[in-house]
Amino acid sequence: MFKNSRLVIGICLLLGICVLEFTLVGCGETTDNSNYYYNPSFTQAGKVIFIKGLQSTNKNWIGSQTGSKYTESLMTMEAAAGAGEHFLMDVTGNPPYAMTCSPTGTLVAFGNNLRNGLFEKIVIENIGTSGGLGRTELDFIPGVTSFDWSADGTKLVYATSSEVRTIKLDGTADTLVTAESAIGAVAWKYGNRIAFVHGTTAKVLSLINPTGTNRTDLSAAASVDLPQISSANTNEVFGIAGGSLCSVDVSAGTPATTVVLANCKGALPRIAPAGDKIVYSKITEQSGIYVVNIAAKTETKLK
């Protein structure tokens, strides 16, 4: 009996050691987190809205990976120094593309179902806390290349590969503005005219009233791609030309581009409501959000 008791105690001690070793291994696990920041724009309140990706990798005590998880969140932050991150919603697996915020409220429009460079949906979401319009989805077949808000926030302008059109937020009053080949980008938001870029090798910036009247085509040498109309001076259009951030005064007798920041590599520049800053990610970087002070012509990395 005594011998059997010693055997039981020995087995229990052995089991205790095994459990202890298992616990220690569990406690030795670590998690490495990597953050990614991209697709920024400006809200009407002047904050930067962006996507934050979080890659979490679990490793055991010897450094071997035991699991990983990737999530994406829609966030806002202050434009001055990138502080004050605020979570809006989880967008894992369905990130909003080409975000543009209403100039009059708390709505954001973004592209969805990106296929072959075209958005099959434009989604309008309320990112404020005051209620009002909920999520709205506008369907487009085969898709749109670009879109932006009207100056009064009641419509969107959008471009297919061959047309510039306007549409109300509820999907009604879908109206042709002008027809053109190889349309790549469109902007409105500030001022009375719509700006759009067309052409394949030599891209041309054009401006037109939403009624389709008073169209002006700039020369290729004076044009910018990915246009943004300034709220401070609606005759001034910012965009990318030759890899640099440039502006062009479209009211001048002979418009010409002025370099704001050389070699900025901005992926989709968005102008602030005050017209004093431009935010973008870089096409050469997987992660990063930059703000350019237009007057000072200086670039600051926020994230």
Foldseek 3Di string as FASTA:
>chain_A
DVVVVVVVVVVVVVVVVVVVVVVVFVVLKDKDKDKFWFQWAAALVGWIKTKIKIKIWIATNVGHTDDIDIWIFIWTAHPPFLDDIDTQGTQGPWDFHNWEYANPAQKIWGFTDQDPQFGQWIWIAGSDDPDDDHIDIDGDVVGFNEKYAAQVRQWMWTHHQFFIWIAGRNGPPTGTQDTHHRKHYWYHNADQWIWTWGDDPQIWIWIAGNNNPDIDIAGSQQDAPLWYQANVDRQKIWHHDPQFIWIWRNVDPHIHIDGLEPNPQFPHWYAGSNRQKIWGDHPVDRHWIWIAGRVVSDIDTND
